[in-house]
PDB file of all heavy atoms in Angstrom:
ATOM      1  N   PRO A   1       0.835  -1.205   0.000  1.00  0.00           N
ATOM      2  CA  PRO A   1       0.000   0.000   0.000  1.00  0.00           C
ATOM      3  C   PRO A   1       0.867   1.251   0.000  1.00  0.00           C
ATOM      4  O   PRO A   1       1.839   1.335   0.736  1.00  0.00           O
ATOM      5  CB  PRO A   1      -0.791  -0.110   1.307  1.00  0.00           C
ATOM      6  CG  PRO A   1      -0.727  -1.542   1.694  1.00  0.00           C
ATOM      7  CD  PRO A   1       0.574  -2.065   1.133  1.00  0.00           C
ATOM      8  N   THR A   2       0.522   2.231  -0.831  1.00  0.00           N
ATOM      9  CA  THR A   2       1.320   3.449  -0.904  1.00  0.00           C
ATOM     10  C   THR A   2       0.686   4.607  -0.162  1.00  0.00           C
ATOM     11  O   THR A   2       1.312   5.628   0.041  1.00  0.00           O
ATOM     12  CB  THR A   2       1.558   3.858  -2.368  1.00  0.00           C
ATOM     13  OG1 THR A   2       0.306   3.993  -3.016  1.00  0.00           O
ATOM     14  CG2 THR A   2       2.422   2.831  -3.073  1.00  0.00           C
ATOM     15  N   ARG A   3      -0.543   4.490   0.239  1.00  0.00           N
ATOM     16  CA  ARG A   3      -1.163   5.518   1.070  1.00  0.00           C
ATOM     17  C   ARG A   3      -2.432   4.946   1.668  1.00  0.00           C
ATOM     18  O   ARG A   3      -3.036   4.034   1.122  1.00  0.00           O
ATOM     19  CB  ARG A   3      -1.431   6.781   0.282  1.00  0.00           C
ATOM     20  CG  ARG A   3      -2.397   6.618  -0.868  1.00  0.00           C
ATOM     21  CD  ARG A   3      -2.565   7.953  -1.602  1.00  0.00           C
ATOM     22  NE  ARG A   3      -3.262   7.785  -2.846  1.00  0.00           N
ATOM     23  CZ  ARG A   3      -2.714   7.423  -3.989  1.00  0.00           C
ATOM     24  NH1 ARG A   3      -1.446   7.172  -4.045  1.00  0.00           N
ATOM     25  NH2 ARG A   3      -3.421   7.289  -5.082  1.00  0.00           N
ATOM     26  N   GLY A   4      -2.774   5.477   2.800  1.00  0.00           N
ATOM     27  CA  GLY A   4      -4.035   5.071   3.402  1.00  0.00           C
ATOM     28  C   GLY A   4      -3.863   4.204   4.622  1.00  0.00           C
ATOM     29  O   GLY A   4      -3.705   4.713   5.719  1.00  0.00           O
ATOM     30  N   ALA A   5      -3.862   2.910   4.443  1.00  0.00           N
ATOM     31  CA  ALA A   5      -4.003   1.998   5.572  1.00  0.00           C
ATOM     32  C   ALA A   5      -2.673   1.477   6.120  1.00  0.00           C
ATOM     33  O   ALA A   5      -2.484   0.301   6.288  1.00  0.00           O
ATOM     34  CB  ALA A   5      -4.907   0.843   5.184  1.00  0.00           C
ATOM     35  N   GLU A   6      -1.725   2.374   6.381  1.00  0.00           N
ATOM     36  CA  GLU A   6      -0.472   1.959   6.995  1.00  0.00           C
ATOM     37  C   GLU A   6      -0.319   2.679   8.324  1.00  0.00           C
ATOM     38  O   GLU A   6      -0.757   3.799   8.487  1.00  0.00           O
ATOM     39  CB  GLU A   6       0.764   2.309   6.151  1.00  0.00           C
ATOM     40  CG  GLU A   6       0.702   1.974   4.717  1.00  0.00           C
ATOM     41  CD  GLU A   6       0.158   3.119   3.899  1.00  0.00           C
ATOM     42  OE1 GLU A   6       0.344   4.284   4.254  1.00  0.00           O
ATOM     43  OE2 GLU A   6      -0.476   2.821   2.889  1.00  0.00           O
ATOM     44  N   HIS A   7       0.344   2.030   9.237  1.00  0.00           N
ATOM     45  CA  HIS A   7       0.706   2.664  10.499  1.00  0.00           C
ATOM     46  C   HIS A   7       1.821   3.659  10.199  1.00  0.00           C
ATOM     47  O   HIS A   7       2.648   3.428   9.311  1.00  0.00           O
ATOM     48  CB  HIS A   7       1.171   1.601  11.494  1.00  0.00           C
ATOM     49  CG  HIS A   7       1.325   2.121  12.870  1.00  0.00           C
ATOM     50  ND1 HIS A   7       2.514   2.637  13.315  1.00  0.00           N
ATOM     51  CD2 HIS A   7       0.440   2.224  13.894  1.00  0.00           C
ATOM     52  CE1 HIS A   7       2.366   3.031  14.564  1.00  0.00           C
ATOM     53  NE2 HIS A   7       1.121   2.794  14.946  1.00  0.00           N
ATOM     54  N   HIS A   8       1.877   4.756  10.933  1.00  0.00           N
ATOM     55  CA  HIS A   8       2.887   5.792  10.663  1.00  0.00           C
ATOM     56  C   HIS A   8       4.312   5.262  10.788  1.00  0.00           C
ATOM     57  O   HIS A   8       5.232   5.799  10.174  1.00  0.00           O
ATOM     58  CB  HIS A   8       2.683   7.003  11.577  1.00  0.00           C
ATOM     59  CG  HIS A   8       2.854   6.686  13.028  1.00  0.00           C
ATOM     60  ND1 HIS A   8       4.072   6.690  13.653  1.00  0.00           N
ATOM     61  CD2 HIS A   8       1.948   6.330  13.977  1.00  0.00           C
ATOM     62  CE1 HIS A   8       3.919   6.356  14.913  1.00  0.00           C
ATOM     63  NE2 HIS A   8       2.628   6.137  15.141  1.00  0.00           N
ATOM     64  N   SER A   9       4.515   4.188  11.550  1.00  0.00           N
ATOM     65  CA  SER A   9       5.873   3.657  11.725  1.00  0.00           C
ATOM     66  C   SER A   9       6.160   2.443  10.839  1.00  0.00           C
ATOM     67  O   SER A   9       7.155   1.757  11.048  1.00  0.00           O
ATOM     68  CB  SER A   9       6.098   3.281  13.196  1.00  0.00           C
ATOM     69  OG  SER A   9       5.253   2.202  13.549  1.00  0.00           O
ATOM     70  N   MET A  10       5.313   2.208   9.836  1.00  0.00           N
ATOM     71  CA  MET A  10       5.515   1.046   8.967  1.00  0.00           C
ATOM     72  C   MET A  10       6.920   1.050   8.375  1.00  0.00           C
ATOM     73  O   MET A  10       7.453   2.094   8.015  1.00  0.00           O
ATOM     74  CB  MET A  10       4.505   1.037   7.830  1.00  0.00           C
ATOM     75  CG  MET A  10       4.655  -0.153   6.911  1.00  0.00           C
ATOM     76  SD  MET A  10       3.519  -0.083   5.516  1.00  0.00           S
ATOM     77  CE  MET A  10       4.109  -1.464   4.567  1.00  0.00           C
ATOM     78  N   ALA A  11       7.517  -0.140   8.283  1.00  0.00           N
ATOM     79  CA  ALA A  11       8.845  -0.300   7.689  1.00  0.00           C
ATOM     80  C   ALA A  11       8.808  -1.421   6.664  1.00  0.00           C
ATOM     81  O   ALA A  11       7.984  -2.326   6.740  1.00  0.00           O
ATOM     82  CB  ALA A  11       9.876  -0.619   8.763  1.00  0.00           C
ATOM     83  N   VAL A  12       9.714  -1.337   5.700  1.00  0.00           N
ATOM     84  CA  VAL A  12       9.847  -2.331   4.645  1.00  0.00           C
ATOM     85  C   VAL A  12      11.216  -2.993   4.811  1.00  0.00           C
ATOM     86  O   VAL A  12      12.230  -2.303   4.919  1.00  0.00           O
ATOM     87  CB  VAL A  12       9.754  -1.659   3.254  1.00  0.00           C
ATOM     88  CG1 VAL A  12       9.986  -2.667   2.154  1.00  0.00           C
ATOM     89  CG2 VAL A  12       8.412  -0.967   3.084  1.00  0.00           C
ATOM     90  N   THR A  13      11.243  -4.333   4.847  1.00  0.00           N
ATOM     91  CA  THR A  13      12.506  -5.058   4.904  1.00  0.00           C
ATOM     92  C   THR A  13      12.745  -5.683   3.535  1.00  0.00           C
ATOM     93  O   THR A  13      11.936  -6.474   3.052  1.00  0.00           O
ATOM     94  CB  THR A  13      12.478  -6.158   5.988  1.00  0.00           C
ATOM     95  OG1 THR A  13      12.179  -5.553   7.245  1.00  0.00           O
ATOM     96  CG2 THR A  13      13.818  -6.870   6.068  1.00  0.00           C
ATOM     97  N   HIS A  14      13.839  -5.308   2.910  1.00  0.00           N
ATOM     98  CA  HIS A  14      14.172  -5.759   1.562  1.00  0.00           C
ATOM     99  C   HIS A  14      14.835  -7.137   1.577  1.00  0.00           C
ATOM    100  O   HIS A  14      15.241  -7.635   2.625  1.00  0.00           O
ATOM    101  CB  HIS A  14      15.108  -4.742   0.898  1.00  0.00           C
ATOM    102  CG  HIS A  14      14.487  -3.401   0.729  1.00  0.00           C
ATOM    103  ND1 HIS A  14      13.688  -3.086  -0.344  1.00  0.00           N
ATOM    104  CD2 HIS A  14      14.525  -2.300   1.516  1.00  0.00           C
ATOM    105  CE1 HIS A  14      13.275  -1.832  -0.228  1.00  0.00           C
ATOM    106  NE2 HIS A  14      13.765  -1.336   0.889  1.00  0.00           N
ATOM    107  N   LEU A  15      14.979  -7.724   0.393  1.00  0.00           N
ATOM    108  CA  LEU A  15      15.647  -9.015   0.257  1.00  0.00           C
ATOM    109  C   LEU A  15      17.043  -8.999   0.873  1.00  0.00           C
ATOM    110  O   LEU A  15      17.513 -10.001   1.403  1.00  0.00           O
ATOM    111  CB  LEU A  15      15.768  -9.416  -1.218  1.00  0.00           C
ATOM    112  CG  LEU A  15      14.483  -9.709  -1.970  1.00  0.00           C
ATOM    113  CD1 LEU A  15      14.791  -9.954  -3.438  1.00  0.00           C
ATOM    114  CD2 LEU A  15      13.752 -10.867  -1.368  1.00  0.00           C
ATOM    115  N   SER A  16      17.687  -7.866   0.829  1.00  0.00           N
ATOM    116  CA  SER A  16      19.039  -7.727   1.361  1.00  0.00           C
ATOM    117  C   SER A  16      19.075  -7.713   2.884  1.00  0.00           C
ATOM    118  O   SER A  16      20.136  -7.802   3.486  1.00  0.00           O
ATOM    119  CB  SER A  16      19.656  -6.418   0.862  1.00  0.00           C
ATOM    120  OG  SER A  16      18.931  -5.314   1.412  1.00  0.00           O
ATOM    121  N   GLY A  17      17.896  -7.561   3.500  1.00  0.00           N
ATOM    122  CA  GLY A  17      17.821  -7.438   4.948  1.00  0.00           C
ATOM    123  C   GLY A  17      17.779  -5.998   5.414  1.00  0.00           C
ATOM    124  O   GLY A  17      17.568  -5.716   6.591  1.00  0.00           O
ATOM    125  N   CYS A  18      17.969  -5.080   4.499  1.00  0.00           N
ATOM    126  CA  CYS A  18      17.909  -3.652   4.820  1.00  0.00           C
ATOM    127  C   CYS A  18      16.489  -3.287   5.257  1.00  0.00           C
ATOM    128  O   CYS A  18      15.528  -3.609   4.573  1.00  0.00           O
ATOM    129  CB  CYS A  18      18.310  -2.842   3.595  1.00  0.00           C
ATOM    130  SG  CYS A  18      18.097  -1.075   3.782  1.00  0.00           S
ATOM    131  N   VAL A  19      16.370  -2.636   6.412  1.00  0.00           N
ATOM    132  CA  VAL A  19      15.076  -2.172   6.913  1.00  0.00           C
ATOM    133  C   VAL A  19      14.969  -0.689   6.606  1.00  0.00           C
ATOM    134  O   VAL A  19      15.865   0.089   6.936  1.00  0.00           O
ATOM    135  CB  VAL A  19      14.928  -2.422   8.428  1.00  0.00           C
ATOM    136  CG1 VAL A  19      13.590  -1.902   8.930  1.00  0.00           C
ATOM    137  CG2 VAL A  19      15.088  -3.899   8.741  1.00  0.00           C
ATOM    138  N   GLN A  20      13.870  -0.309   5.955  1.00  0.00           N
ATOM    139  CA  GLN A  20      13.716   1.055   5.483  1.00  0.00           C
ATOM    140  C   GLN A  20      12.366   1.618   5.928  1.00  0.00           C
ATOM    141  O   GLN A  20      11.339   0.964   5.777  1.00  0.00           O
ATOM    142  CB  GLN A  20      13.807   1.034   3.959  1.00  0.00           C
ATOM    143  CG  GLN A  20      13.930   2.356   3.305  1.00  0.00           C
ATOM    144  CD  GLN A  20      14.196   2.195   1.818  1.00  0.00           C
ATOM    145  OE1 GLN A  20      13.717   1.269   1.174  1.00  0.00           O
ATOM    146  NE2 GLN A  20      14.954   3.112   1.262  1.00  0.00           N
ATOM    147  N   PRO A  21      12.340   2.835   6.467  1.00  0.00           N
ATOM    148  CA  PRO A  21      11.067   3.463   6.812  1.00  0.00           C
ATOM    149  C   PRO A  21      10.195   3.633   5.561  1.00  0.00           C
ATOM    150  O   PRO A  21      10.708   3.867   4.463  1.00  0.00           O
ATOM    151  CB  PRO A  21      11.466   4.832   7.374  1.00  0.00           C
ATOM    152  CG  PRO A  21      12.902   4.702   7.748  1.00  0.00           C
ATOM    153  CD  PRO A  21      13.481   3.679   6.802  1.00  0.00           C
ATOM    154  N   LYS A  22       8.905   3.513   5.755  1.00  0.00           N
ATOM    155  CA  LYS A  22       7.955   3.585   4.640  1.00  0.00           C
ATOM    156  C   LYS A  22       8.156   4.835   3.793  1.00  0.00           C
ATOM    157  O   LYS A  22       8.202   4.751   2.561  1.00  0.00           O
ATOM    158  CB  LYS A  22       6.524   3.554   5.188  1.00  0.00           C
ATOM    159  CG  LYS A  22       5.462   3.743   4.123  1.00  0.00           C
ATOM    160  CD  LYS A  22       4.092   3.921   4.721  1.00  0.00           C
ATOM    161  CE  LYS A  22       3.960   5.308   5.274  1.00  0.00           C
ATOM    162  NZ  LYS A  22       2.609   5.699   5.616  1.00  0.00           N
ATOM    163  N   GLN A  23       8.277   6.002   4.404  1.00  0.00           N
ATOM    164  CA  GLN A  23       8.374   7.247   3.632  1.00  0.00           C
ATOM    165  C   GLN A  23       9.625   7.283   2.753  1.00  0.00           C
ATOM    166  O   GLN A  23       9.575   7.754   1.622  1.00  0.00           O
ATOM    167  CB  GLN A  23       8.330   8.463   4.569  1.00  0.00           C
ATOM    168  CG  GLN A  23       6.985   8.649   5.244  1.00  0.00           C
ATOM    169  CD  GLN A  23       5.837   8.794   4.249  1.00  0.00           C
ATOM    170  OE1 GLN A  23       5.988   9.308   3.142  1.00  0.00           O
ATOM    171  NE2 GLN A  23       4.670   8.309   4.630  1.00  0.00           N
ATOM    172  N   GLU A  24      10.725   6.757   3.266  1.00  0.00           N
ATOM    173  CA  GLU A  24      11.962   6.711   2.473  1.00  0.00           C
ATOM    174  C   GLU A  24      11.798   5.779   1.280  1.00  0.00           C
ATOM    175  O   GLU A  24      12.202   6.091   0.162  1.00  0.00           O
ATOM    176  CB  GLU A  24      13.103   6.235   3.373  1.00  0.00           C
ATOM    177  CG  GLU A  24      14.453   6.203   2.715  1.00  0.00           C
ATOM    178  CD  GLU A  24      15.521   5.723   3.682  1.00  0.00           C
ATOM    179  OE1 GLU A  24      15.698   6.351   4.741  1.00  0.00           O
ATOM    180  OE2 GLU A  24      16.161   4.692   3.370  1.00  0.00           O
ATOM    181  N   TRP A  25      11.187   4.619   1.521  1.00  0.00           N
ATOM    182  CA  TRP A  25      10.962   3.649   0.444  1.00  0.00           C
ATOM    183  C   TRP A  25      10.036   4.237  -0.622  1.00  0.00           C
ATOM    184  O   TRP A  25      10.294   4.106  -1.819  1.00  0.00           O
ATOM    185  CB  TRP A  25      10.398   2.358   1.020  1.00  0.00           C
ATOM    186  CG  TRP A  25      10.185   1.298   0.003  1.00  0.00           C
ATOM    187  CD1 TRP A  25      11.123   0.514  -0.584  1.00  0.00           C
ATOM    188  CD2 TRP A  25       8.935   0.908  -0.571  1.00  0.00           C
ATOM    189  NE1 TRP A  25      10.536  -0.355  -1.480  1.00  0.00           N
ATOM    190  CE2 TRP A  25       9.196  -0.128  -1.481  1.00  0.00           C
ATOM    191  CE3 TRP A  25       7.619   1.327  -0.377  1.00  0.00           C
ATOM    192  CZ2 TRP A  25       8.198  -0.735  -2.214  1.00  0.00           C
ATOM    193  CZ3 TRP A  25       6.619   0.713  -1.106  1.00  0.00           C
ATOM    194  CH2 TRP A  25       6.917  -0.305  -2.021  1.00  0.00           C
ATOM    195  N   LEU A  26       8.962   4.908  -0.192  1.00  0.00           N
ATOM    196  CA  LEU A  26       8.031   5.502  -1.147  1.00  0.00           C
ATOM    197  C   LEU A  26       8.704   6.597  -1.967  1.00  0.00           C
ATOM    198  O   LEU A  26       8.442   6.732  -3.162  1.00  0.00           O
ATOM    199  CB  LEU A  26       6.799   6.052  -0.429  1.00  0.00           C
ATOM    200  CG  LEU A  26       5.877   5.001   0.163  1.00  0.00           C
ATOM    201  CD1 LEU A  26       4.759   5.659   0.955  1.00  0.00           C
ATOM    202  CD2 LEU A  26       5.312   4.095  -0.910  1.00  0.00           C
ATOM    203  N   ALA A  27       9.583   7.359  -1.357  1.00  0.00           N
ATOM    204  CA  ALA A  27      10.322   8.390  -2.094  1.00  0.00           C
ATOM    205  C   ALA A  27      11.180   7.749  -3.185  1.00  0.00           C
ATOM    206  O   ALA A  27      11.267   8.274  -4.304  1.00  0.00           O
ATOM    207  CB  ALA A  27      11.183   9.207  -1.134  1.00  0.00           C
ATOM    208  N   GLN A  28      11.791   6.604  -2.877  1.00  0.00           N
ATOM    209  CA  GLN A  28      12.579   5.898  -3.890  1.00  0.00           C
ATOM    210  C   GLN A  28      11.684   5.352  -5.003  1.00  0.00           C
ATOM    211  O   GLN A  28      12.081   5.363  -6.173  1.00  0.00           O
ATOM    212  CB  GLN A  28      13.381   4.774  -3.251  1.00  0.00           C
ATOM    213  CG  GLN A  28      14.525   5.264  -2.415  1.00  0.00           C
ATOM    214  CD  GLN A  28      15.327   4.141  -1.802  1.00  0.00           C
ATOM    215  OE1 GLN A  28      14.825   3.049  -1.572  1.00  0.00           O
ATOM    216  NE2 GLN A  28      16.591   4.417  -1.519  1.00  0.00           N
ATOM    217  N   MET A  29      10.487   4.895  -4.647  1.00  0.00           N
ATOM    218  CA  MET A  29       9.535   4.434  -5.672  1.00  0.00           C
ATOM    219  C   MET A  29       9.181   5.600  -6.601  1.00  0.00           C
ATOM    220  O   MET A  29       9.208   5.450  -7.821  1.00  0.00           O
ATOM    221  CB  MET A  29       8.256   3.885  -5.030  1.00  0.00           C
ATOM    222  CG  MET A  29       8.421   2.604  -4.258  1.00  0.00           C
ATOM    223  SD  MET A  29       8.569   1.161  -5.315  1.00  0.00           S
ATOM    224  CE  MET A  29       6.917   1.021  -5.920  1.00  0.00           C
ATOM    225  N   ARG A  30       8.854   6.742  -6.023  1.00  0.00           N
ATOM    226  CA  ARG A  30       8.488   7.915  -6.829  1.00  0.00           C
ATOM    227  C   ARG A  30       9.641   8.375  -7.706  1.00  0.00           C
ATOM    228  O   ARG A  30       9.422   8.895  -8.793  1.00  0.00           O
ATOM    229  CB  ARG A  30       8.030   9.047  -5.914  1.00  0.00           C
ATOM    230  CG  ARG A  30       6.681   8.797  -5.292  1.00  0.00           C
ATOM    231  CD  ARG A  30       6.205  10.006  -4.480  1.00  0.00           C
ATOM    232  NE  ARG A  30       5.202   9.572  -3.546  1.00  0.00           N
ATOM    233  CZ  ARG A  30       5.407   9.331  -2.253  1.00  0.00           C
ATOM    234  NH1 ARG A  30       6.590   9.516  -1.716  1.00  0.00           N
ATOM    235  NH2 ARG A  30       4.423   8.919  -1.489  1.00  0.00           N
ATOM    236  N   ALA A  31      10.872   8.188  -7.240  1.00  0.00           N
ATOM    237  CA  ALA A  31      12.053   8.601  -8.003  1.00  0.00           C
ATOM    238  C   ALA A  31      12.420   7.592  -9.091  1.00  0.00           C
ATOM    239  O   ALA A  31      13.351   7.810  -9.857  1.00  0.00           O
ATOM    240  CB  ALA A  31      13.240   8.793  -7.051  1.00  0.00           C
ATOM    241  N   GLY A  32      11.704   6.468  -9.151  1.00  0.00           N
ATOM    242  CA  GLY A  32      11.940   5.484 -10.200  1.00  0.00           C
ATOM    243  C   GLY A  32      13.029   4.473  -9.891  1.00  0.00           C
ATOM    244  O   GLY A  32      13.466   3.749 -10.780  1.00  0.00           O
ATOM    245  N   GLN A  33      13.473   4.382  -8.638  1.00  0.00           N
ATOM    246  CA  GLN A  33      14.510   3.414  -8.302  1.00  0.00           C
ATOM    247  C   GLN A  33      13.978   1.990  -8.261  1.00  0.00           C
ATOM    248  O   GLN A  33      14.742   1.038  -8.376  1.00  0.00           O
ATOM    249  CB  GLN A  33      15.158   3.779  -6.976  1.00  0.00           C
ATOM    250  CG  GLN A  33      15.967   5.045  -7.081  1.00  0.00           C
ATOM    251  CD  GLN A  33      16.622   5.430  -5.766  1.00  0.00           C
ATOM    252  OE1 GLN A  33      16.445   4.779  -4.752  1.00  0.00           O
ATOM    253  NE2 GLN A  33      17.382   6.500  -5.789  1.00  0.00           N
ATOM    254  N   PHE A  34      12.671   1.845  -8.076  1.00  0.00           N
ATOM    255  CA  PHE A  34      12.008   0.543  -8.107  1.00  0.00           C
ATOM    256  C   PHE A  34      10.828   0.676  -9.057  1.00  0.00           C
ATOM    257  O   PHE A  34      10.060   1.627  -8.957  1.00  0.00           O
ATOM    258  CB  PHE A  34      11.474   0.146  -6.723  1.00  0.00           C
ATOM    259  CG  PHE A  34      12.528   0.034  -5.670  1.00  0.00           C
ATOM    260  CD1 PHE A  34      12.805   1.090  -4.829  1.00  0.00           C
ATOM    261  CD2 PHE A  34      13.246  -1.142  -5.521  1.00  0.00           C
ATOM    262  CE1 PHE A  34      13.775   0.989  -3.846  1.00  0.00           C
ATOM    263  CE2 PHE A  34      14.224  -1.252  -4.542  1.00  0.00           C
ATOM    264  CZ  PHE A  34      14.480  -0.184  -3.705  1.00  0.00           C
ATOM    265  N   GLY A  35      10.666  -0.264  -9.971  1.00  0.00           N
ATOM    266  CA  GLY A  35       9.542  -0.234 -10.894  1.00  0.00           C
ATOM    267  C   GLY A  35       8.955  -1.619 -11.058  1.00  0.00           C
ATOM    268  O   GLY A  35       9.663  -2.560 -11.414  1.00  0.00           O
ATOM    269  N   CYS A  36       7.683  -1.739 -10.766  1.00  0.00           N
ATOM    270  CA  CYS A  36       7.007  -3.030 -10.876  1.00  0.00           C
ATOM    271  C   CYS A  36       6.230  -3.070 -12.190  1.00  0.00           C
ATOM    272  O   CYS A  36       5.374  -2.225 -12.426  1.00  0.00           O
ATOM    273  CB  CYS A  36       6.071  -3.214  -9.682  1.00  0.00           C
ATOM    274  SG  CYS A  36       5.285  -4.820  -9.649  1.00  0.00           S
ATOM    275  N   HIS A  37       6.557  -4.041 -13.052  1.00  0.00           N
ATOM    276  CA  HIS A  37       5.910  -4.145 -14.354  1.00  0.00           C
ATOM    277  C   HIS A  37       4.760  -5.149 -14.350  1.00  0.00           C
ATOM    278  O   HIS A  37       3.759  -4.946 -15.032  1.00  0.00           O
ATOM    279  CB  HIS A  37       6.940  -4.514 -15.418  1.00  0.00           C
ATOM    280  CG  HIS A  37       8.034  -3.495 -15.517  1.00  0.00           C
ATOM    281  ND1 HIS A  37       7.870  -2.298 -16.172  1.00  0.00           N
ATOM    282  CD2 HIS A  37       9.287  -3.475 -15.003  1.00  0.00           C
ATOM    283  CE1 HIS A  37       8.979  -1.586 -16.075  1.00  0.00           C
ATOM    284  NE2 HIS A  37       9.854  -2.277 -15.378  1.00  0.00           N
TER     285      HIS A  37
END
């Protein structure tokens, strides 16, 4: 989910094990660093 039903402290853990705050991850999505086809 990119907006709406997330807790303010939601975090994303990547395959690498890197834990990233939701807002930082979403900023990278918006910047095109991750693209789901």
